Amino acid sequence: MIKDVVIPRLGSSDESDEVKILRWVKQVGEHVQKGEALLEVETDKVSVEIEAPESGKLAQVLATEGEVVKFNSIVATIDQSD
């Protein structure tokens, strides 16, 4: 089963509606645990780590470091199959 990694809304509604991808903590092909840091993003006020929503293998990265994406964007996929 494939699980999407989505950028959640990180602050109040009066802040920007997008974040910048600072760095990927995990690389494609690496195993990730649910709750483990997957990537780091930056809003106009803070830097925040985004956690893996499920355990599995990081199958695909859809947003590169330095790219600006909107909240609720899919930025990666995790393959949960064994």
C-alpha atoms as a PDB file:
ATOM      1  CA  MET A   1       0.000   0.000   0.000  1.00  0.00           C
ATOM      2  CA  ILE A   2       1.269   3.476  -0.872  1.00  0.00           C
ATOM      3  CA  LYS A   3       0.793   6.308   1.635  1.00  0.00           C
ATOM      4  CA  ASP A   4       1.080   9.978   0.634  1.00  0.00           C
ATOM      5  CA  VAL A   5       3.192  12.369   2.699  1.00  0.00           C
ATOM      6  CA  VAL A   6       1.241  15.636   2.908  1.00  0.00           C
ATOM      7  CA  ILE A   7       2.439  18.978   4.252  1.00  0.00           C
ATOM      8  CA  PRO A   8       0.116  19.843   7.152  1.00  0.00           C
ATOM      9  CA  ARG A   9      -0.941  23.382   8.049  1.00  0.00           C
ATOM     10  CA  LEU A  10       1.630  24.480  10.604  1.00  0.00           C
ATOM     11  CA  GLY A  11       0.382  27.765  12.009  1.00  0.00           C
ATOM     12  CA  SER A  12      -2.558  30.075  12.319  1.00  0.00           C
ATOM     13  CA  SER A  13      -4.677  30.945   9.311  1.00  0.00           C
ATOM     14  CA  ASP A  14      -3.191  34.460   9.022  1.00  0.00           C
ATOM     15  CA  GLU A  15       0.266  33.100   8.116  1.00  0.00           C
ATOM     16  CA  SER A  16       1.500  32.216   4.643  1.00  0.00           C
ATOM     17  CA  ASP A  17      -0.127  29.243   2.928  1.00  0.00           C
ATOM     18  CA  GLU A  18       3.161  27.711   1.776  1.00  0.00           C
ATOM     19  CA  VAL A  19       6.439  26.320   3.085  1.00  0.00           C
ATOM     20  CA  LYS A  20       9.943  25.873   1.714  1.00  0.00           C
ATOM     21  CA  ILE A  21      11.511  22.405   1.720  1.00  0.00           C
ATOM     22  CA  LEU A  22      14.815  22.869   3.571  1.00  0.00           C
ATOM     23  CA  ARG A  23      16.135  19.315   3.523  1.00  0.00           C
ATOM     24  CA  TRP A  24      15.148  15.683   3.310  1.00  0.00           C
ATOM     25  CA  VAL A  25      16.261  13.736   6.384  1.00  0.00           C
ATOM     26  CA  LYS A  26      15.571  10.421   4.611  1.00  0.00           C
ATOM     27  CA  GLN A  27      16.391   9.492   1.014  1.00  0.00           C
ATOM     28  CA  VAL A  28      14.450   7.419  -1.521  1.00  0.00           C
ATOM     29  CA  GLY A  29      14.815   3.725  -0.706  1.00  0.00           C
ATOM     30  CA  GLU A  30      15.457   4.245   3.005  1.00  0.00           C
ATOM     31  CA  HIS A  31      13.181   2.711   5.630  1.00  0.00           C
ATOM     32  CA  VAL A  32      11.242   5.146   7.817  1.00  0.00           C
ATOM     33  CA  GLN A  33       9.322   4.618  11.038  1.00  0.00           C
ATOM     34  CA  LYS A  34       5.994   6.289  11.734  1.00  0.00           C
ATOM     35  CA  GLY A  35       6.704   9.497  13.685  1.00  0.00           C
ATOM     36  CA  GLU A  36      10.347   9.674  12.581  1.00  0.00           C
ATOM     37  CA  ALA A  37      11.615  12.931  11.030  1.00  0.00           C
ATOM     38  CA  LEU A  38      11.280  12.707   7.248  1.00  0.00           C
ATOM     39  CA  LEU A  39      11.969  16.254   6.070  1.00  0.00           C
ATOM     40  CA  GLU A  40      12.459  19.770   7.374  1.00  0.00           C
ATOM     41  CA  VAL A  41      10.415  22.727   6.125  1.00  0.00           C
ATOM     42  CA  GLU A  42      10.469  26.452   6.793  1.00  0.00           C
ATOM     43  CA  THR A  43       7.554  28.859   7.101  1.00  0.00           C
ATOM     44  CA  ASP A  44       7.974  32.606   7.225  1.00  0.00           C
ATOM     45  CA  LYS A  45       8.447  32.246  11.016  1.00  0.00           C
ATOM     46  CA  VAL A  46       9.846  28.808  11.943  1.00  0.00           C
ATOM     47  CA  SER A  47      11.605  25.669  10.771  1.00  0.00           C
ATOM     48  CA  VAL A  48       9.720  22.442  11.475  1.00  0.00           C
ATOM     49  CA  GLU A  49      10.392  18.735  10.987  1.00  0.00           C
ATOM     50  CA  ILE A  50       7.628  16.792   9.231  1.00  0.00           C
ATOM     51  CA  GLU A  51       7.210  13.251  10.541  1.00  0.00           C
ATOM     52  CA  ALA A  52       6.550  10.119   8.528  1.00  0.00           C
ATOM     53  CA  PRO A  53       2.796   9.383   8.653  1.00  0.00           C
ATOM     54  CA  GLU A  54       3.422   5.606   8.392  1.00  0.00           C
ATOM     55  CA  SER A  55       6.281   3.120   8.508  1.00  0.00           C
ATOM     56  CA  GLY A  56       7.706   1.771   5.278  1.00  0.00           C
ATOM     57  CA  LYS A  57      10.179   2.606   2.522  1.00  0.00           C
ATOM     58  CA  LEU A  58      10.428   6.143   1.169  1.00  0.00           C
ATOM     59  CA  ALA A  59       9.358   5.341  -2.380  1.00  0.00           C
ATOM     60  CA  GLN A  60       9.241   8.715  -4.092  1.00  0.00           C
ATOM     61  CA  VAL A  61      10.133  12.353  -3.411  1.00  0.00           C
ATOM     62  CA  LEU A  62       7.906  14.809  -5.295  1.00  0.00           C
ATOM     63  CA  ALA A  63       9.331  18.106  -3.956  1.00  0.00           C
ATOM     64  CA  THR A  64      13.015  18.966  -3.982  1.00  0.00           C
ATOM     65  CA  GLU A  65      15.090  20.861  -1.442  1.00  0.00           C
ATOM     66  CA  GLY A  66      14.617  24.593  -1.937  1.00  0.00           C
ATOM     67  CA  GLU A  67      11.187  24.154  -3.529  1.00  0.00           C
ATOM     68  CA  VAL A  68       8.205  26.116  -2.176  1.00  0.00           C
ATOM     69  CA  VAL A  69       4.977  24.121  -1.790  1.00  0.00           C
ATOM     70  CA  LYS A  70       1.496  24.872  -0.474  1.00  0.00           C
ATOM     71  CA  PHE A  71       0.010  23.278   2.626  1.00  0.00           C
ATOM     72  CA  ASN A  72      -1.794  19.990   1.861  1.00  0.00           C
ATOM     73  CA  SER A  73       0.580  19.303  -1.052  1.00  0.00           C
ATOM     74  CA  ILE A  74       1.780  15.729  -1.519  1.00  0.00           C
ATOM     75  CA  VAL A  75       5.577  15.834  -1.291  1.00  0.00           C
ATOM     76  CA  ALA A  76       6.470  12.140  -1.133  1.00  0.00           C
ATOM     77  CA  THR A  77       5.114   8.604  -0.985  1.00  0.00           C
ATOM     78  CA  ILE A  78       5.843   5.755   1.433  1.00  0.00           C
ATOM     79  CA  ASP A  79       5.546   2.147   0.308  1.00  0.00           C
ATOM     80  CA  GLN A  80       4.134   0.067   3.166  1.00  0.00           C
ATOM     81  CA  SER A  81       4.346  -3.303   1.395  1.00  0.00           C
ATOM     82  CA  ASP A  82       6.849  -5.842   2.695  1.00  0.00           C
END
